[in-house]
Amino acid sequence: MFARFTNMFMHYYNKLKHINFTNVDRLYDTIDKLKADINLYKYDYNTGLMTRHDLMIRLNVLFDNQCDFVLVMYDINGLHTINRLEGYRAGDALIVKTARNIEDLSGNHESYTTGGDEFFVIYEDHSEVPDDIEVDKTCSGAESSSKVETISELIDIVDQFVTDKKRHIKKRRDDI
């Protein structure tokens, strides 16, 4: 996706090099089109949330500046089953509903989708992390950046929290 964005950027850059700058309206139209295209690749089409690329950029900035923050991960439970039994439209509707629920819970904090049924929220102020981070039909995990050395380690920890919760839910279901 990033390569596609880079190619589009170069396409418009090359167009701008050849524009007769006496035609300012045409220049503004081209710039507006470029902005729209950038937004098309910056935000997930289905949910409207920022993407994995933006998440990684933001995490790198926070780590480089040695900021202390909390990363929360959400993973939808049973999306594969819903897609299989009810169809992909039902699965997409669940993804969008979950994204809205996460945005509602997280308020003005940065929310990201990293593909399919995984979401992340960054809380730069620990006191603003909700006491209950659970969102309907998801498993979640959270960790503070102050407890790790790398971005990869932080993501691995929250991913492990979510994976453990999902295994626990599956085990309980299998025991019934």
C-alpha atoms as a PDB file:
ATOM      1  CA  MET A   1       0.000   0.000   0.000  1.00  0.00           C
ATOM      2  CA  PHE A   2       2.847   2.396   0.839  1.00  0.00           C
ATOM      3  CA  ALA A   3       4.474   1.716  -2.531  1.00  0.00           C
ATOM      4  CA  ARG A   4       1.162   2.525  -4.213  1.00  0.00           C
ATOM      5  CA  PHE A   5       0.955   5.790  -2.275  1.00  0.00           C
ATOM      6  CA  THR A   6       4.551   6.641  -3.208  1.00  0.00           C
ATOM      7  CA  ASN A   7       3.808   6.011  -6.883  1.00  0.00           C
ATOM      8  CA  MET A   8       0.724   8.244  -6.714  1.00  0.00           C
ATOM      9  CA  PHE A   9       2.694  10.965  -4.958  1.00  0.00           C
ATOM     10  CA  MET A  10       5.370  10.868  -7.650  1.00  0.00           C
ATOM     11  CA  HIS A  11       2.665  10.934 -10.343  1.00  0.00           C
ATOM     12  CA  TYR A  12       1.173  14.131  -8.912  1.00  0.00           C
ATOM     13  CA  TYR A  13       4.574  15.611  -8.191  1.00  0.00           C
ATOM     14  CA  ASN A  14       5.503  15.153 -11.835  1.00  0.00           C
ATOM     15  CA  LYS A  15       2.201  16.754 -12.855  1.00  0.00           C
ATOM     16  CA  LEU A  16       2.918  19.741 -10.613  1.00  0.00           C
ATOM     17  CA  LYS A  17       6.346  20.248 -12.176  1.00  0.00           C
ATOM     18  CA  HIS A  18       4.739  20.833 -15.566  1.00  0.00           C
ATOM     19  CA  ILE A  19       1.814  23.031 -14.530  1.00  0.00           C
ATOM     20  CA  ASN A  20       1.702  26.545 -15.841  1.00  0.00           C
ATOM     21  CA  PHE A  21       1.538  28.430 -12.563  1.00  0.00           C
ATOM     22  CA  THR A  22      -0.453  31.248 -14.089  1.00  0.00           C
ATOM     23  CA  ASN A  23      -3.420  28.904 -13.862  1.00  0.00           C
ATOM     24  CA  VAL A  24      -3.782  28.959 -10.065  1.00  0.00           C
ATOM     25  CA  ASP A  25      -7.222  27.335 -10.072  1.00  0.00           C
ATOM     26  CA  ARG A  26      -5.814  24.281 -11.830  1.00  0.00           C
ATOM     27  CA  LEU A  27      -2.988  24.110  -9.308  1.00  0.00           C
ATOM     28  CA  TYR A  28      -5.450  24.219  -6.395  1.00  0.00           C
ATOM     29  CA  ASP A  29      -7.590  21.535  -8.019  1.00  0.00           C
ATOM     30  CA  THR A  30      -4.540  19.294  -8.387  1.00  0.00           C
ATOM     31  CA  ILE A  31      -3.535  19.892  -4.758  1.00  0.00           C
ATOM     32  CA  ASP A  32      -7.077  19.099  -3.566  1.00  0.00           C
ATOM     33  CA  LYS A  33      -7.032  15.863  -5.575  1.00  0.00           C
ATOM     34  CA  LEU A  34      -3.674  14.935  -4.060  1.00  0.00           C
ATOM     35  CA  LYS A  35      -4.995  15.586  -0.539  1.00  0.00           C
ATOM     36  CA  ALA A  36      -8.031  13.401  -1.227  1.00  0.00           C
ATOM     37  CA  ASP A  37      -5.784  10.627  -2.534  1.00  0.00           C
ATOM     38  CA  ILE A  38      -3.530  10.863   0.517  1.00  0.00           C
ATOM     39  CA  ASN A  39      -6.570  10.544   2.812  1.00  0.00           C
ATOM     40  CA  LEU A  40      -7.713   7.545   0.806  1.00  0.00           C
ATOM     41  CA  TYR A  41      -4.524   5.721   1.795  1.00  0.00           C
ATOM     42  CA  LYS A  42      -4.131   7.200   5.270  1.00  0.00           C
ATOM     43  CA  TYR A  43      -7.479   5.949   6.538  1.00  0.00           C
ATOM     44  CA  ASP A  44      -8.982   2.481   6.369  1.00  0.00           C
ATOM     45  CA  TYR A  45     -11.804   2.432   3.826  1.00  0.00           C
ATOM     46  CA  ASN A  46     -14.122   0.307   5.969  1.00  0.00           C
ATOM     47  CA  THR A  47     -13.664   1.898   9.408  1.00  0.00           C
ATOM     48  CA  GLY A  48     -12.241   5.344   8.709  1.00  0.00           C
ATOM     49  CA  LEU A  49      -9.513   4.696  11.288  1.00  0.00           C
ATOM     50  CA  MET A  50      -5.847   5.346  10.683  1.00  0.00           C
ATOM     51  CA  THR A  51      -3.853   2.343   9.457  1.00  0.00           C
ATOM     52  CA  ARG A  52      -0.941   0.193  10.644  1.00  0.00           C
ATOM     53  CA  HIS A  53       1.535   2.435   8.829  1.00  0.00           C
ATOM     54  CA  ASP A  54       0.342   5.470  10.807  1.00  0.00           C
ATOM     55  CA  LEU A  55       0.395   3.462  14.041  1.00  0.00           C
ATOM     56  CA  MET A  56       4.021   2.499  13.497  1.00  0.00           C
ATOM     57  CA  ILE A  57       4.994   6.085  12.650  1.00  0.00           C
ATOM     58  CA  ARG A  58       3.285   7.351  15.815  1.00  0.00           C
ATOM     59  CA  LEU A  59       4.845   4.646  18.007  1.00  0.00           C
ATOM     60  CA  ASN A  60       8.285   5.474  16.613  1.00  0.00           C
ATOM     61  CA  VAL A  61       7.799   9.171  17.394  1.00  0.00           C
ATOM     62  CA  LEU A  62       6.648   8.391  20.938  1.00  0.00           C
ATOM     63  CA  PHE A  63       9.550   6.003  21.552  1.00  0.00           C
ATOM     64  CA  ASP A  64      12.104   8.386  19.998  1.00  0.00           C
ATOM     65  CA  ASN A  65      10.871  11.145  22.321  1.00  0.00           C
ATOM     66  CA  GLN A  66      10.889   8.725  25.281  1.00  0.00           C
ATOM     67  CA  CYS A  67       7.221   9.393  25.992  1.00  0.00           C
ATOM     68  CA  ASP A  68       5.394   7.226  28.485  1.00  0.00           C
ATOM     69  CA  PHE A  69       2.080   6.028  27.092  1.00  0.00           C
ATOM     70  CA  VAL A  70      -0.313   3.088  27.198  1.00  0.00           C
ATOM     71  CA  LEU A  71      -1.013   0.952  24.146  1.00  0.00           C
ATOM     72  CA  VAL A  72      -4.327  -0.912  24.105  1.00  0.00           C
ATOM     73  CA  MET A  73      -5.048  -3.677  21.607  1.00  0.00           C
ATOM     74  CA  TYR A  74      -8.472  -5.041  20.689  1.00  0.00           C
ATOM     75  CA  ASP A  75      -9.256  -8.179  18.717  1.00  0.00           C
ATOM     76  CA  ILE A  76     -12.773  -9.161  17.649  1.00  0.00           C
ATOM     77  CA  ASN A  77     -13.917 -12.551  18.906  1.00  0.00           C
ATOM     78  CA  GLY A  78     -15.376 -14.958  16.364  1.00  0.00           C
ATOM     79  CA  LEU A  79     -15.079 -12.834  13.219  1.00  0.00           C
ATOM     80  CA  HIS A  80     -14.124 -15.866  11.150  1.00  0.00           C
ATOM     81  CA  THR A  81     -17.245 -17.708  12.338  1.00  0.00           C
ATOM     82  CA  ILE A  82     -19.481 -14.719  11.599  1.00  0.00           C
ATOM     83  CA  ASN A  83     -17.978 -14.395   8.106  1.00  0.00           C
ATOM     84  CA  ARG A  84     -18.491 -18.105   7.491  1.00  0.00           C
ATOM     85  CA  LEU A  85     -22.028 -18.390   8.879  1.00  0.00           C
ATOM     86  CA  GLU A  86     -23.540 -14.959   8.198  1.00  0.00           C
ATOM     87  CA  GLY A  87     -21.422 -13.680   5.311  1.00  0.00           C
ATOM     88  CA  TYR A  88     -18.719 -11.101   4.872  1.00  0.00           C
ATOM     89  CA  ARG A  89     -21.144  -8.175   4.956  1.00  0.00           C
ATOM     90  CA  ALA A  90     -22.123  -9.178   8.486  1.00  0.00           C
ATOM     91  CA  GLY A  91     -18.436  -9.465   9.375  1.00  0.00           C
ATOM     92  CA  ASP A  92     -17.687  -6.033   7.903  1.00  0.00           C
ATOM     93  CA  ALA A  93     -20.641  -4.567   9.807  1.00  0.00           C
ATOM     94  CA  LEU A  94     -19.222  -6.023  13.037  1.00  0.00           C
ATOM     95  CA  ILE A  95     -15.802  -4.538  12.255  1.00  0.00           C
ATOM     96  CA  VAL A  96     -17.320  -1.085  11.699  1.00  0.00           C
ATOM     97  CA  LYS A  97     -19.494  -1.344  14.827  1.00  0.00           C
ATOM     98  CA  THR A  98     -16.476  -2.395  16.889  1.00  0.00           C
ATOM     99  CA  ALA A  99     -14.418   0.495  15.495  1.00  0.00           C
ATOM    100  CA  ARG A 100     -17.182   2.950  16.498  1.00  0.00           C
ATOM    101  CA  ASN A 101     -17.406   1.389  19.984  1.00  0.00           C
ATOM    102  CA  ILE A 102     -13.635   1.687  20.420  1.00  0.00           C
ATOM    103  CA  GLU A 103     -13.740   5.328  19.285  1.00  0.00           C
ATOM    104  CA  ASP A 104     -16.603   6.023  21.701  1.00  0.00           C
ATOM    105  CA  LEU A 105     -14.675   4.454  24.580  1.00  0.00           C
ATOM    106  CA  SER A 106     -11.347   6.072  23.737  1.00  0.00           C
ATOM    107  CA  GLY A 107     -12.720   9.551  23.101  1.00  0.00           C
ATOM    108  CA  ASN A 108     -10.227  11.796  21.333  1.00  0.00           C
ATOM    109  CA  HIS A 109      -7.334   9.347  21.618  1.00  0.00           C
ATOM    110  CA  GLU A 110      -5.688   8.003  18.483  1.00  0.00           C
ATOM    111  CA  SER A 111      -7.385   4.820  17.192  1.00  0.00           C
ATOM    112  CA  TYR A 112      -5.932   2.569  14.508  1.00  0.00           C
ATOM    113  CA  THR A 113      -6.885  -0.548  12.611  1.00  0.00           C
ATOM    114  CA  THR A 114      -4.106  -2.912  11.650  1.00  0.00           C
ATOM    115  CA  GLY A 115      -6.089  -5.186   9.419  1.00  0.00           C
ATOM    116  CA  GLY A 116      -9.177  -7.293   9.739  1.00  0.00           C
ATOM    117  CA  ASP A 117     -10.233  -7.502  13.342  1.00  0.00           C
ATOM    118  CA  GLU A 118      -7.337  -5.855  15.213  1.00  0.00           C
ATOM    119  CA  PHE A 119      -7.420  -2.329  16.616  1.00  0.00           C
ATOM    120  CA  PHE A 120      -5.060  -0.217  18.720  1.00  0.00           C
ATOM    121  CA  VAL A 121      -5.530   2.911  20.833  1.00  0.00           C
ATOM    122  CA  ILE A 122      -2.731   5.090  22.206  1.00  0.00           C
ATOM    123  CA  TYR A 123      -3.245   6.870  25.528  1.00  0.00           C
ATOM    124  CA  GLU A 124      -0.492   9.400  26.185  1.00  0.00           C
ATOM    125  CA  ASP A 125      -1.909  10.146  29.634  1.00  0.00           C
ATOM    126  CA  HIS A 126      -2.158   7.051  31.859  1.00  0.00           C
ATOM    127  CA  SER A 127      -4.937   8.652  33.903  1.00  0.00           C
ATOM    128  CA  GLU A 128      -7.173   8.764  30.808  1.00  0.00           C
ATOM    129  CA  VAL A 129      -7.121   5.007  30.218  1.00  0.00           C
ATOM    130  CA  PRO A 130     -10.618   3.730  31.089  1.00  0.00           C
ATOM    131  CA  ASP A 131     -10.814   1.419  34.107  1.00  0.00           C
ATOM    132  CA  ASP A 132     -12.668  -1.057  31.923  1.00  0.00           C
ATOM    133  CA  ILE A 133     -11.138  -1.199  28.451  1.00  0.00           C
ATOM    134  CA  GLU A 134     -13.359  -4.041  27.253  1.00  0.00           C
ATOM    135  CA  VAL A 135     -15.515  -3.460  24.181  1.00  0.00           C
ATOM    136  CA  ASP A 136     -18.388  -5.783  23.256  1.00  0.00           C
ATOM    137  CA  LYS A 137     -17.309  -8.880  21.282  1.00  0.00           C
ATOM    138  CA  THR A 138     -13.580  -8.193  21.707  1.00  0.00           C
ATOM    139  CA  CYS A 139     -10.630  -9.259  23.785  1.00  0.00           C
ATOM    140  CA  SER A 140      -8.265  -6.521  24.831  1.00  0.00           C
ATOM    141  CA  GLY A 141      -4.877  -6.039  26.381  1.00  0.00           C
ATOM    142  CA  ALA A 142      -2.910  -2.996  27.521  1.00  0.00           C
ATOM    143  CA  GLU A 143       0.627  -2.187  28.544  1.00  0.00           C
ATOM    144  CA  SER A 144       2.653   0.898  29.420  1.00  0.00           C
ATOM    145  CA  SER A 145       5.598   1.810  27.230  1.00  0.00           C
ATOM    146  CA  SER A 146       7.656   2.429  30.385  1.00  0.00           C
ATOM    147  CA  LYS A 147       7.851  -1.332  30.975  1.00  0.00           C
ATOM    148  CA  VAL A 148       9.514  -2.197  27.654  1.00  0.00           C
ATOM    149  CA  GLU A 149      12.568  -1.340  25.590  1.00  0.00           C
ATOM    150  CA  THR A 150      11.173  -1.570  22.053  1.00  0.00           C
ATOM    151  CA  ILE A 151       8.009  -1.083  20.043  1.00  0.00           C
ATOM    152  CA  SER A 152       8.113  -4.725  19.022  1.00  0.00           C
ATOM    153  CA  GLU A 153       8.239  -5.828  22.658  1.00  0.00           C
ATOM    154  CA  LEU A 154       5.276  -3.586  23.527  1.00  0.00           C
ATOM    155  CA  ILE A 155       3.167  -4.957  20.677  1.00  0.00           C
ATOM    156  CA  ASP A 156       4.166  -8.529  21.544  1.00  0.00           C
ATOM    157  CA  ILE A 157       3.062  -8.046  25.170  1.00  0.00           C
ATOM    158  CA  VAL A 158      -0.383  -6.632  24.349  1.00  0.00           C
ATOM    159  CA  ASP A 159      -0.806  -9.265  21.646  1.00  0.00           C
ATOM    160  CA  GLN A 160       0.009 -11.992  24.195  1.00  0.00           C
ATOM    161  CA  PHE A 161      -2.559 -10.568  26.643  1.00  0.00           C
ATOM    162  CA  VAL A 162      -5.213 -10.706  23.926  1.00  0.00           C
ATOM    163  CA  THR A 163      -4.167 -14.195  22.776  1.00  0.00           C
ATOM    164  CA  ASP A 164      -4.305 -15.512  26.349  1.00  0.00           C
ATOM    165  CA  LYS A 165      -7.804 -14.084  26.826  1.00  0.00           C
ATOM    166  CA  LYS A 166      -8.982 -15.624  23.556  1.00  0.00           C
ATOM    167  CA  ARG A 167      -7.579 -19.025  24.570  1.00  0.00           C
ATOM    168  CA  HIS A 168      -9.322 -18.752  27.934  1.00  0.00           C
ATOM    169  CA  ILE A 169     -12.646 -17.944  26.250  1.00  0.00           C
ATOM    170  CA  LYS A 170     -12.217 -20.832  23.801  1.00  0.00           C
ATOM    171  CA  LYS A 171     -11.315 -23.236  26.607  1.00  0.00           C
ATOM    172  CA  ARG A 172     -14.403 -22.214  28.612  1.00  0.00           C
ATOM    173  CA  ARG A 173     -16.553 -22.683  25.515  1.00  0.00           C
ATOM    174  CA  ASP A 174     -15.014 -26.107  24.815  1.00  0.00           C
ATOM    175  CA  ASP A 175     -15.579 -27.179  28.443  1.00  0.00           C
ATOM    176  CA  ILE A 176     -19.319 -26.539  28.174  1.00  0.00           C
END
